[in-house]
Amino acid sequence: MTEAQALQTPMAPTRRKRWRRLFFFAGILAVLAACLAGPYFYLTGRAARELRDAIAETDQLDPGWRVLELEAKRLVIPDEQNSGIDLINAHGLMPPQWPFWDFPATAEKEGISENQLRELGASWDVPPPVLLTEVQAGALRKEMARAQKSLAEIYKIENKPRGRYAITYTKDYIGTLLPHTQKTRSIASMLAYDALLRAHAQDMEGALRDCGYMIYAQRAIGDEPTLISTLVRIAIHQIGVKKLERTLAQGQPSEAALAALQKVLEEEMQEPIFLIGARGERGLGDGFLAAIQNGDVKMSWKGVQGITAGTGKKSTQEMFQDVALFLAPRIVEADRAALLRFENKVVEVAKLPLDEQFARLKDMDLNDNQLPRMARLLAPAWQKMIAAYLRDQASLRCAILLVAAERFRLAHQRWPRDVNELVPAYVAKVLIDPFDSKPMRLRPVPDGIVIYSVSHDGQDNGGKLSGNPMVKGTDWGYRLWDVAKRRQPPAAREEWDAKSSN
């Protein structure tokens, strides 16, 4: 074929069709890209504006709200006054596998039978006016002897009502570890066992000091800006109040020891632990989303799947959201804005005077179903947190009234008729029930009195107490026993259990 003939030969049909298909698909892709780009730039632009407005609102409501700003504002405590240093040392001196009944393998080596092991484990929950058994008391003496070096360090906090642990924040903030905060619970447990043994030995002043040390110990957690820290403080409060109830059911502490502990409890009641935790949670959540948005935390596909794993089986829409988060991390701007505004509501209520918070917190609508997906995953279970906080306040108020009523009995040889009779000689003012904003209750019961809050159902059930505060038809509180009914023999536990089951 000549060159002229080749030039005159038409292009092969198959080649022409291939190019047409390529142009067709390229056109479709261009149209799709244009369709996606429009909404993407619109949505990201709107999200950026919402975020700017949310940040401006938060700056105005609560300047210095970011986590590192909160950290910078934490109380500075000189080393010689920092109880946290003593508690870190004390934890390092704790005996291995202590107490041994929490470690069955160790108990087996000690020649402890299964029945004895159960009995020792039950020593924590012996009814307040009932004495320990000889097996329980003997084992506890042995374990407290092993713990003397640790206890000696703990006792150094007697004149150190404040503390501070150092925190090293991770890039994503929410992965920050609080090892010393969690160890403080172990310290509180050791003090609780020491109070248990001292009350058994009728060292009432020593047992009350242990209760005060528990309050001081959790203050070493102090103003750590996390909800975890708040919850640990609440947990230690509960341990301390239970051991206080038991101590008062085992003997008669002096007026001076009671008054000293009451002062510590009244100070603790005013600690703004819920505000500290709420501010910290807002800052940590926003810091995490900001780290994603700014690229400080690289979003691998595995990382995206790990973050969103809590949603369970994912819908098609949620899978597309995962892909979008992986490809365009800036989409979290909308989540940041929504989460900030959502948690601003909580913080603003937490800033109110203590007694004004309660009704507002109970009535708050904190349904997070309307939040964007990432904000919803990061938002804590605020209703449960608020319930724990209200219950904690009720417990602290009960504890103050327990001590005040015992002081009244020592002075007058009878129980007060109601909380009003304690004012102003034993408490400065009537303490308000966090659950209904009415005065805390005090009622006579067989063998003593009960001091209580109406608890979550909001109904006064006459002081019918339950170990589960969520049970309807029951109240939340503690008891004081007539002197003649204190220090009952171990056999009385069967009678106690029978009464409790009715």
Protein backbone atom coordinates (compact mmCIF):
# COMPACT_ATOMS: atom_id res chain seq x y z
CA MET A 1 0.00 0.00 0.00
CA THR A 2 1.36 3.42 -1.00
CA GLU A 3 1.64 6.30 1.48
CA ALA A 4 -1.19 8.14 -0.23
CA GLN A 5 -3.44 5.13 0.04
CA ALA A 6 -2.67 4.78 3.78
CA LEU A 7 -3.61 8.41 4.42
CA GLN A 8 -6.91 7.90 2.63
CA THR A 9 -7.79 4.78 4.68
CA PRO A 10 -10.46 5.58 7.33
CA MET A 11 -9.60 4.98 11.05
CA ALA A 12 -10.50 1.53 12.23
CA PRO A 13 -14.05 1.52 13.71
CA THR A 14 -12.97 -0.23 16.92
CA ARG A 15 -10.39 2.45 17.70
CA ARG A 16 -12.93 5.21 17.13
CA LYS A 17 -15.43 3.54 19.47
CA ARG A 18 -12.79 3.18 22.19
CA TRP A 19 -12.07 6.90 22.16
CA ARG A 20 -15.75 7.71 22.22
CA ARG A 21 -16.21 5.55 25.34
CA LEU A 22 -13.25 7.19 27.04
CA PHE A 23 -14.61 10.66 26.33
CA PHE A 24 -18.05 9.56 27.55
CA PHE A 25 -16.78 8.20 30.86
CA ALA A 26 -14.51 11.19 31.36
CA GLY A 27 -17.51 13.43 30.86
CA ILE A 28 -19.53 11.45 33.40
CA LEU A 29 -16.68 11.69 35.93
CA ALA A 30 -16.38 15.42 35.34
CA VAL A 31 -20.10 15.88 35.92
CA LEU A 32 -19.99 13.74 39.07
CA ALA A 33 -17.00 15.68 40.36
CA ALA A 34 -18.82 18.93 39.74
CA CYS A 35 -21.95 17.61 41.46
CA LEU A 36 -19.95 16.48 44.49
CA ALA A 37 -17.68 19.50 44.66
CA GLY A 38 -20.58 21.94 44.84
CA PRO A 39 -22.22 20.43 47.92
CA TYR A 40 -18.82 19.66 49.48
CA PHE A 41 -17.62 23.27 49.29
CA TYR A 42 -21.03 24.52 50.41
CA LEU A 43 -21.18 22.18 53.41
CA THR A 44 -17.57 22.73 54.45
CA GLY A 45 -18.01 26.47 54.10
CA ARG A 46 -21.14 26.40 56.25
CA ALA A 47 -19.41 24.13 58.79
CA ALA A 48 -16.46 26.54 58.99
CA ARG A 49 -18.81 29.44 59.72
CA GLU A 50 -20.67 27.41 62.38
CA LEU A 51 -17.38 26.47 63.99
CA ARG A 52 -16.17 30.06 64.07
CA ASP A 53 -19.43 31.11 65.72
CA ALA A 54 -19.30 28.22 68.24
CA ILE A 55 -15.71 29.01 69.19
CA ALA A 56 -16.54 32.72 69.57
CA GLU A 57 -19.52 31.79 71.77
CA THR A 58 -17.37 29.53 73.94
CA ASP A 59 -14.60 32.15 74.22
CA GLN A 60 -17.18 34.65 75.43
CA LEU A 61 -18.93 32.30 77.88
CA ASP A 62 -15.86 30.67 79.36
CA PRO A 63 -12.49 32.19 78.39
CA GLY A 64 -9.55 29.80 78.58
CA TRP A 65 -11.65 26.70 77.93
CA ARG A 66 -9.22 24.67 75.81
CA VAL A 67 -7.54 21.73 77.53
CA LEU A 68 -4.03 23.16 77.57
CA GLU A 69 -5.42 26.45 78.87
CA LEU A 70 -7.26 24.58 81.63
CA GLU A 71 -4.04 22.71 82.42
CA ALA A 72 -2.13 26.01 82.65
CA LYS A 73 -4.71 27.35 85.13
CA ARG A 74 -4.49 24.33 87.47
CA LEU A 75 -3.56 25.04 91.06
CA VAL A 76 0.21 25.18 91.53
CA ILE A 77 1.26 23.38 94.72
CA PRO A 78 4.83 23.47 96.07
CA ASP A 79 6.39 20.03 96.45
CA GLU A 80 6.52 20.28 100.23
CA GLN A 81 2.73 20.81 100.30
CA ASN A 82 1.79 18.41 97.49
CA SER A 83 0.01 15.34 98.88
CA GLY A 84 0.28 13.72 95.45
CA ILE A 85 4.02 13.13 95.94
CA ASP A 86 3.42 11.27 99.21
CA LEU A 87 0.65 9.19 97.65
CA ILE A 88 2.82 8.22 94.67
CA ASN A 89 5.50 7.09 97.14
CA ALA A 90 2.88 5.24 99.20
CA HIS A 91 1.60 3.34 96.18
CA GLY A 92 5.15 2.31 95.32
CA LEU A 93 5.48 0.84 98.80
CA MET A 94 2.26 -1.16 98.66
CA PRO A 95 2.92 -4.86 99.35
CA PRO A 96 2.67 -7.21 96.38
CA GLN A 97 -0.73 -8.85 95.89
CA TRP A 98 -2.39 -6.84 98.63
CA PRO A 99 -4.81 -7.71 100.20
CA PHE A 100 -4.14 -11.37 99.54
CA TRP A 101 -7.82 -12.37 99.49
CA ASP A 102 -8.16 -10.46 96.24
CA PHE A 103 -5.62 -12.87 94.73
CA PRO A 104 -6.92 -16.46 95.00
CA ALA A 105 -3.62 -18.03 93.91
CA THR A 106 -1.81 -16.25 96.74
CA ALA A 107 -4.52 -17.23 99.21
CA GLU A 108 -4.10 -20.87 98.21
CA LYS A 109 -0.38 -20.66 98.99
CA GLU A 110 -1.28 -19.20 102.39
CA GLY A 111 -3.36 -22.29 103.09
CA ILE A 112 -6.66 -20.36 103.02
CA SER A 113 -9.67 -22.51 102.22
CA GLU A 114 -12.33 -21.47 99.73
CA ASN A 115 -14.82 -20.79 102.55
CA GLN A 116 -12.28 -18.66 104.42
CA LEU A 117 -11.49 -16.79 101.22
CA ARG A 118 -15.16 -15.94 100.75
CA GLU A 119 -15.37 -14.80 104.37
CA LEU A 120 -12.35 -12.56 104.00
CA GLY A 121 -13.67 -11.05 100.79
CA ALA A 122 -16.95 -10.32 102.57
CA SER A 123 -15.19 -8.26 105.28
CA TRP A 124 -15.62 -5.16 103.09
CA ASP A 125 -19.41 -5.45 103.24
CA VAL A 126 -20.02 -6.49 106.85
CA PRO A 127 -23.13 -4.57 108.07
CA PRO A 128 -22.04 -1.37 109.90
CA PRO A 129 -23.02 -2.34 113.49
CA VAL A 130 -21.80 -5.95 113.19
CA LEU A 131 -18.31 -6.91 114.34
CA LEU A 132 -15.84 -8.70 112.12
CA THR A 133 -15.37 -12.42 112.68
CA GLU A 134 -12.09 -13.56 114.22
CA VAL A 135 -11.01 -14.94 110.86
CA GLN A 136 -11.67 -11.58 109.19
CA ALA A 137 -10.06 -9.53 111.96
CA GLY A 138 -6.98 -11.80 112.12
CA ALA A 139 -6.40 -11.69 108.36
CA LEU A 140 -6.92 -7.93 108.32
CA ARG A 141 -4.36 -7.43 111.10
CA LYS A 142 -1.87 -9.46 109.09
CA GLU A 143 -2.47 -7.48 105.91
CA MET A 144 -2.34 -4.08 107.64
CA ALA A 145 0.98 -5.13 109.21
CA ARG A 146 2.30 -5.80 105.67
CA ALA A 147 1.11 -2.36 104.62
CA GLN A 148 2.76 -0.31 107.39
CA LYS A 149 5.42 1.29 105.18
CA SER A 150 2.78 2.37 102.68
CA LEU A 151 0.48 3.64 105.42
CA ALA A 152 3.32 5.66 106.96
CA GLU A 153 3.69 7.52 103.65
CA ILE A 154 -0.07 8.06 103.38
CA TYR A 155 -0.20 9.56 106.87
CA LYS A 156 2.18 12.30 105.74
CA ILE A 157 -0.76 13.97 103.96
CA GLU A 158 -2.39 14.85 107.32
CA ASN A 159 -1.55 18.54 106.91
CA LYS A 160 -1.62 18.52 103.11
CA PRO A 161 -5.24 18.97 102.02
CA ARG A 162 -4.28 19.54 98.37
CA GLY A 163 -2.28 17.70 95.77
CA ARG A 164 -1.50 17.52 92.10
CA TYR A 165 -0.40 14.84 89.67
CA ALA A 166 1.43 15.71 86.46
CA ILE A 167 -0.43 14.98 83.21
CA THR A 168 1.22 14.40 79.83
CA TYR A 169 -1.34 14.92 77.08
CA THR A 170 -1.26 12.91 73.87
CA LYS A 171 -1.64 14.52 70.45
CA ASP A 172 -5.22 13.32 70.20
CA TYR A 173 -5.97 14.32 73.84
CA ILE A 174 -8.49 11.54 74.42
CA GLY A 175 -5.72 8.96 74.63
CA THR A 176 -4.16 10.72 77.64
CA LEU A 177 -3.41 8.32 80.49
CA LEU A 178 -3.95 9.08 84.19
CA PRO A 179 -1.98 6.36 85.99
CA HIS A 180 -1.64 8.14 89.35
CA THR A 181 -5.31 9.07 89.36
CA GLN A 182 -6.34 5.44 89.12
CA LYS A 183 -3.77 4.41 91.75
CA THR A 184 -5.40 6.80 94.20
CA ARG A 185 -8.35 4.39 94.38
CA SER A 186 -5.97 1.71 95.67
CA ILE A 187 -4.74 4.15 98.31
CA ALA A 188 -8.35 4.85 99.35
CA SER A 189 -9.04 1.12 99.64
CA MET A 190 -6.02 0.67 101.91
CA LEU A 191 -7.25 3.50 104.13
CA ALA A 192 -10.73 1.97 104.17
CA TYR A 193 -9.34 -1.38 105.37
CA ASP A 194 -7.31 0.47 108.01
CA ALA A 195 -10.47 2.26 109.19
CA LEU A 196 -12.29 -1.08 109.28
CA LEU A 197 -9.63 -2.61 111.54
CA ARG A 198 -9.31 0.47 113.77
CA ALA A 199 -13.07 0.64 114.32
CA HIS A 200 -13.03 -3.07 115.20
CA ALA A 201 -10.29 -2.34 117.76
CA GLN A 202 -12.29 0.65 119.11
CA ASP A 203 -9.70 3.15 117.92
CA MET A 204 -12.48 5.53 116.89
CA GLU A 205 -10.29 8.61 116.45
CA GLY A 206 -7.92 6.64 114.23
CA ALA A 207 -10.80 5.33 112.12
CA LEU A 208 -12.19 8.85 111.66
CA ARG A 209 -8.73 10.11 110.69
CA ASP A 210 -8.63 7.44 107.98
CA CYS A 211 -11.96 8.74 106.65
CA GLY A 212 -10.48 12.24 106.54
CA TYR A 213 -7.33 10.96 104.81
CA MET A 214 -9.55 9.44 102.09
CA ILE A 215 -11.00 12.88 101.40
CA TYR A 216 -7.51 14.39 101.34
CA ALA A 217 -6.23 11.60 99.08
CA GLN A 218 -8.83 12.19 96.38
CA ARG A 219 -8.03 15.90 96.47
CA ALA A 220 -4.62 15.01 95.07
CA ILE A 221 -6.57 14.39 91.87
CA GLY A 222 -7.74 17.94 92.35
CA ASP A 223 -8.56 19.99 89.28
CA GLU A 224 -7.58 17.47 86.63
CA PRO A 225 -9.71 18.49 83.64
CA THR A 226 -11.27 15.11 82.82
CA LEU A 227 -14.53 13.38 83.67
CA ILE A 228 -12.59 10.24 84.56
CA SER A 229 -10.89 12.20 87.34
CA THR A 230 -14.27 13.44 88.55
CA LEU A 231 -15.65 9.91 88.63
CA VAL A 232 -12.64 8.63 90.59
CA ARG A 233 -13.16 11.39 93.15
CA ILE A 234 -16.84 10.43 93.43
CA ALA A 235 -15.94 6.76 93.89
CA ILE A 236 -13.54 7.61 96.73
CA HIS A 237 -16.22 9.78 98.37
CA GLN A 238 -18.53 6.78 98.43
CA ILE A 239 -15.88 4.57 100.04
CA GLY A 240 -15.19 7.21 102.68
CA VAL A 241 -18.84 7.79 103.59
CA LYS A 242 -19.54 4.06 103.91
CA LYS A 243 -16.57 3.63 106.26
CA LEU A 244 -17.72 6.68 108.23
CA GLU A 245 -21.15 5.06 108.70
CA ARG A 246 -19.46 1.89 109.93
CA THR A 247 -17.14 3.77 112.29
CA LEU A 248 -20.09 5.53 113.92
CA ALA A 249 -21.83 2.16 114.28
CA GLN A 250 -18.86 0.64 116.12
CA GLY A 251 -18.23 3.12 118.94
CA GLN A 252 -18.39 6.71 120.15
CA PRO A 253 -15.73 9.07 118.74
CA SER A 254 -14.96 12.27 120.63
CA GLU A 255 -16.58 15.61 119.87
CA ALA A 256 -13.22 17.00 118.74
CA ALA A 257 -12.61 14.18 116.23
CA LEU A 258 -16.15 14.47 114.88
CA ALA A 259 -15.97 18.25 114.49
CA ALA A 260 -12.63 18.02 112.66
CA LEU A 261 -13.99 15.51 110.15
CA GLN A 262 -17.20 17.49 109.65
CA LYS A 263 -15.15 20.53 108.66
CA VAL A 264 -13.31 18.48 106.03
CA LEU A 265 -16.61 17.13 104.67
CA GLU A 266 -18.18 20.59 104.50
CA GLU A 267 -15.20 21.87 102.55
CA GLU A 268 -15.40 18.89 100.20
CA MET A 269 -19.09 19.48 99.52
CA GLN A 270 -18.16 22.86 98.00
CA GLU A 271 -15.50 21.44 95.65
CA PRO A 272 -16.61 22.21 92.04
CA ILE A 273 -15.77 18.74 90.78
CA PHE A 274 -18.62 18.62 88.26
CA LEU A 275 -17.64 21.95 86.71
CA ILE A 276 -14.00 20.83 86.50
CA GLY A 277 -15.00 17.58 84.80
CA ALA A 278 -17.48 19.22 82.41
CA ARG A 279 -14.96 21.82 81.29
CA GLY A 280 -12.32 19.16 80.81
CA GLU A 281 -14.60 16.88 78.81
CA ARG A 282 -15.54 19.74 76.48
CA GLY A 283 -11.90 20.65 75.97
CA LEU A 284 -10.76 17.07 75.37
CA GLY A 285 -13.50 16.34 72.84
CA ASP A 286 -12.86 19.55 70.93
CA GLY A 287 -9.11 19.02 71.10
CA PHE A 288 -9.49 15.57 69.54
CA LEU A 289 -11.63 16.85 66.67
CA ALA A 290 -9.31 19.84 66.14
CA ALA A 291 -6.34 17.45 65.93
CA ILE A 292 -8.15 15.49 63.20
CA GLN A 293 -9.16 18.65 61.35
CA ASN A 294 -5.67 20.16 61.45
CA GLY A 295 -3.92 16.93 60.48
CA ASP A 296 -2.12 16.60 63.83
CA VAL A 297 -3.68 13.14 64.04
CA LYS A 298 -3.40 11.27 60.75
CA MET A 299 -6.61 9.46 59.90
CA SER A 300 -5.71 6.07 58.51
CA TRP A 301 -8.57 3.84 57.39
CA LYS A 302 -7.90 1.57 60.36
CA GLY A 303 -7.98 4.59 62.66
CA VAL A 304 -11.32 5.73 61.27
CA GLN A 305 -12.74 2.26 61.81
CA GLY A 306 -11.44 2.23 65.37
CA ILE A 307 -13.02 5.59 66.22
CA THR A 308 -16.42 4.69 64.81
CA ALA A 309 -16.46 1.06 66.00
CA GLY A 310 -18.74 1.96 68.90
CA THR A 311 -21.67 2.41 66.55
CA GLY A 312 -22.01 -1.37 66.06
CA LYS A 313 -23.09 -2.67 62.68
CA LYS A 314 -22.82 0.23 60.25
CA SER A 315 -25.39 1.33 57.73
CA THR A 316 -24.49 2.27 54.16
CA GLN A 317 -24.73 5.93 55.12
CA GLU A 318 -22.31 5.41 58.00
CA MET A 319 -19.85 3.63 55.72
CA PHE A 320 -19.96 6.62 53.35
CA GLN A 321 -19.35 8.87 56.37
CA ASP A 322 -16.29 6.77 57.26
CA VAL A 323 -14.96 7.18 53.73
CA ALA A 324 -15.60 10.93 53.85
CA LEU A 325 -13.78 11.23 57.20
CA PHE A 326 -10.82 9.30 55.78
CA LEU A 327 -10.62 11.37 52.59
CA ALA A 328 -11.52 14.80 54.01
CA PRO A 329 -10.86 15.13 57.77
CA ARG A 330 -11.99 18.77 57.66
CA ILE A 331 -15.59 17.60 57.66
CA VAL A 332 -15.32 17.32 61.47
CA GLU A 333 -15.74 21.11 61.69
CA ALA A 334 -19.51 20.62 61.88
CA ASP A 335 -19.06 18.07 64.66
CA ARG A 336 -16.79 20.44 66.58
CA ALA A 337 -19.35 23.22 66.40
CA ALA A 338 -22.23 20.99 67.49
CA LEU A 339 -20.26 19.39 70.33
CA LEU A 340 -19.08 22.73 71.69
CA ARG A 341 -22.60 24.15 71.80
CA PHE A 342 -24.00 20.95 73.30
CA GLU A 343 -21.44 20.87 76.10
CA ASN A 344 -21.55 24.62 76.70
CA LYS A 345 -25.04 24.06 78.10
CA VAL A 346 -23.70 21.66 80.71
CA VAL A 347 -20.77 23.87 81.69
CA GLU A 348 -22.96 26.95 82.11
CA VAL A 349 -25.27 25.14 84.53
CA ALA A 350 -22.27 23.70 86.40
CA LYS A 351 -21.06 27.28 86.99
CA LEU A 352 -24.18 28.14 89.00
CA PRO A 353 -24.13 28.20 92.82
CA LEU A 354 -24.31 24.65 94.15
CA ASP A 355 -27.93 24.49 95.27
CA GLU A 356 -29.12 26.21 92.07
CA GLN A 357 -27.50 23.58 89.87
CA PHE A 358 -29.60 20.66 90.99
CA ALA A 359 -33.01 21.50 89.50
CA ARG A 360 -31.45 22.81 86.29
CA LEU A 361 -29.33 19.69 85.80
CA LYS A 362 -32.27 17.35 86.40
CA ASP A 363 -34.44 19.19 83.89
CA MET A 364 -31.82 19.55 81.15
CA ASP A 365 -32.55 18.01 77.76
CA LEU A 366 -29.27 16.31 76.90
CA ASN A 367 -30.51 14.01 74.16
CA ASP A 368 -27.54 13.67 71.79
CA ASN A 369 -29.50 11.97 68.98
CA GLN A 370 -29.54 15.21 66.98
CA LEU A 371 -25.78 15.62 67.07
CA PRO A 372 -23.62 14.78 64.03
CA ARG A 373 -22.13 11.31 64.19
CA MET A 374 -18.62 12.10 65.51
CA ALA A 375 -19.99 14.56 68.08
CA ARG A 376 -22.48 11.93 69.21
CA LEU A 377 -19.70 9.37 69.65
CA LEU A 378 -17.62 11.78 71.74
CA ALA A 379 -20.41 13.18 73.92
CA PRO A 380 -20.36 11.41 77.31
CA ALA A 381 -23.48 9.87 78.83
CA TRP A 382 -24.31 13.15 80.53
CA GLN A 383 -27.51 11.96 82.17
CA LYS A 384 -25.64 9.13 83.92
CA MET A 385 -22.84 11.51 84.88
CA ILE A 386 -25.31 14.01 86.32
CA ALA A 387 -27.07 11.24 88.25
CA ALA A 388 -23.71 10.17 89.76
CA TYR A 389 -22.90 13.76 90.69
CA LEU A 390 -26.27 14.37 92.36
CA ARG A 391 -25.95 11.10 94.27
CA ASP A 392 -22.45 12.10 95.35
CA GLN A 393 -23.71 15.42 96.66
CA ALA A 394 -26.48 13.60 98.52
CA SER A 395 -23.90 11.25 100.09
CA LEU A 396 -21.65 14.09 101.22
CA ARG A 397 -24.62 15.90 102.76
CA CYS A 398 -25.71 12.73 104.51
CA ALA A 399 -22.16 12.33 105.86
CA ILE A 400 -22.14 15.87 107.25
CA LEU A 401 -25.50 15.27 108.93
CA LEU A 402 -24.39 11.89 110.28
CA VAL A 403 -21.49 13.57 112.07
CA ALA A 404 -23.60 16.53 113.19
CA ALA A 405 -26.33 14.23 114.57
CA GLU A 406 -23.76 12.15 116.46
CA ARG A 407 -22.34 15.34 117.96
CA PHE A 408 -25.87 16.36 118.95
CA ARG A 409 -26.41 12.97 120.63
CA LEU A 410 -23.19 13.28 122.59
CA ALA A 411 -24.26 16.67 123.88
CA HIS A 412 -27.96 15.98 124.54
CA GLN A 413 -28.12 12.21 125.11
CA ARG A 414 -30.84 11.87 122.46
CA TRP A 415 -31.19 12.04 118.69
CA PRO A 416 -32.31 15.26 116.94
CA ARG A 417 -35.96 15.20 115.89
CA ASP A 418 -35.22 16.60 112.42
CA VAL A 419 -32.48 18.41 110.51
CA ASN A 420 -33.75 21.82 111.66
CA GLU A 421 -32.74 20.99 115.22
CA LEU A 422 -29.11 20.80 114.09
CA VAL A 423 -29.11 24.43 112.88
CA PRO A 424 -27.10 26.52 113.67
CA ALA A 425 -25.16 24.83 116.48
CA TYR A 426 -24.05 21.80 114.44
CA VAL A 427 -24.57 22.85 110.82
CA ALA A 428 -24.65 26.45 109.63
CA LYS A 429 -27.79 26.01 107.54
CA VAL A 430 -30.28 23.37 106.45
CA LEU A 431 -28.71 21.22 103.75
CA ILE A 432 -30.75 20.83 100.56
CA ASP A 433 -31.53 17.48 98.93
CA PRO A 434 -30.05 17.53 95.40
CA PHE A 435 -32.96 15.46 94.08
CA ASP A 436 -35.93 17.62 95.09
CA SER A 437 -34.40 20.88 96.43
CA LYS A 438 -36.09 20.34 99.80
CA PRO A 439 -34.28 19.83 103.12
CA MET A 440 -32.46 16.54 103.62
CA ARG A 441 -34.51 14.07 105.69
CA LEU A 442 -33.86 12.74 109.18
CA ARG A 443 -36.26 10.19 110.66
CA PRO A 444 -36.30 7.87 113.68
CA VAL A 445 -36.15 4.16 112.93
CA PRO A 446 -35.87 1.15 115.23
CA ASP A 447 -32.47 1.26 116.96
CA GLY A 448 -31.56 4.78 115.82
CA ILE A 449 -32.15 7.29 113.02
CA VAL A 450 -31.83 7.37 109.24
CA ILE A 451 -30.56 10.39 107.28
CA TYR A 452 -31.40 10.34 103.59
CA SER A 453 -32.18 11.87 100.23
CA VAL A 454 -35.28 11.01 98.20
CA SER A 455 -32.93 9.82 95.42
CA HIS A 456 -33.72 9.39 91.73
CA ASP A 457 -37.45 8.72 91.90
CA GLY A 458 -37.97 12.04 93.71
CA GLN A 459 -40.34 10.43 96.22
CA ASP A 460 -39.93 10.40 99.99
CA ASN A 461 -40.21 6.71 100.83
CA GLY A 462 -39.78 7.21 104.55
CA GLY A 463 -36.09 6.35 104.68
CA LYS A 464 -36.37 2.93 103.06
CA LEU A 465 -32.80 2.46 101.91
CA SER A 466 -31.41 0.36 99.09
CA GLY A 467 -27.91 -0.43 97.94
CA ASN A 468 -29.10 0.31 94.41
CA PRO A 469 -29.99 4.01 94.12
CA MET A 470 -31.96 3.46 90.91
CA VAL A 471 -34.57 1.21 92.56
CA LYS A 472 -37.92 2.99 92.65
CA GLY A 473 -39.66 3.16 95.98
CA THR A 474 -36.40 3.53 97.90
CA ASP A 475 -34.27 6.38 99.22
CA TRP A 476 -30.51 6.97 99.34
CA GLY A 477 -28.94 7.46 102.74
CA TYR A 478 -27.18 6.15 105.83
CA ARG A 479 -27.99 5.15 109.41
CA LEU A 480 -26.91 5.93 112.94
CA TRP A 481 -27.47 3.33 115.65
CA ASP A 482 -28.35 3.70 119.30
CA VAL A 483 -25.26 3.08 121.43
CA ALA A 484 -26.75 -0.13 122.84
CA LYS A 485 -27.14 -1.51 119.30
CA ARG A 486 -23.56 -0.86 118.18
CA ARG A 487 -20.86 -3.53 117.99
CA GLN A 488 -23.23 -6.45 117.55
CA PRO A 489 -21.69 -9.96 117.47
CA PRO A 490 -20.93 -11.55 114.08
CA ALA A 491 -23.91 -13.88 114.52
CA ALA A 492 -26.16 -10.82 114.20
CA ARG A 493 -25.37 -10.71 110.50
CA GLU A 494 -27.96 -13.40 109.77
CA GLU A 495 -30.65 -11.30 111.46
CA TRP A 496 -29.42 -8.23 109.57
CA ASP A 497 -29.51 -10.02 106.21
CA ALA A 498 -33.03 -11.27 106.94
CA LYS A 499 -34.22 -7.73 107.67
CA SER A 500 -32.49 -6.34 104.59
CA SER A 501 -34.16 -8.89 102.31
CA ASN A 502 -37.65 -7.85 103.49
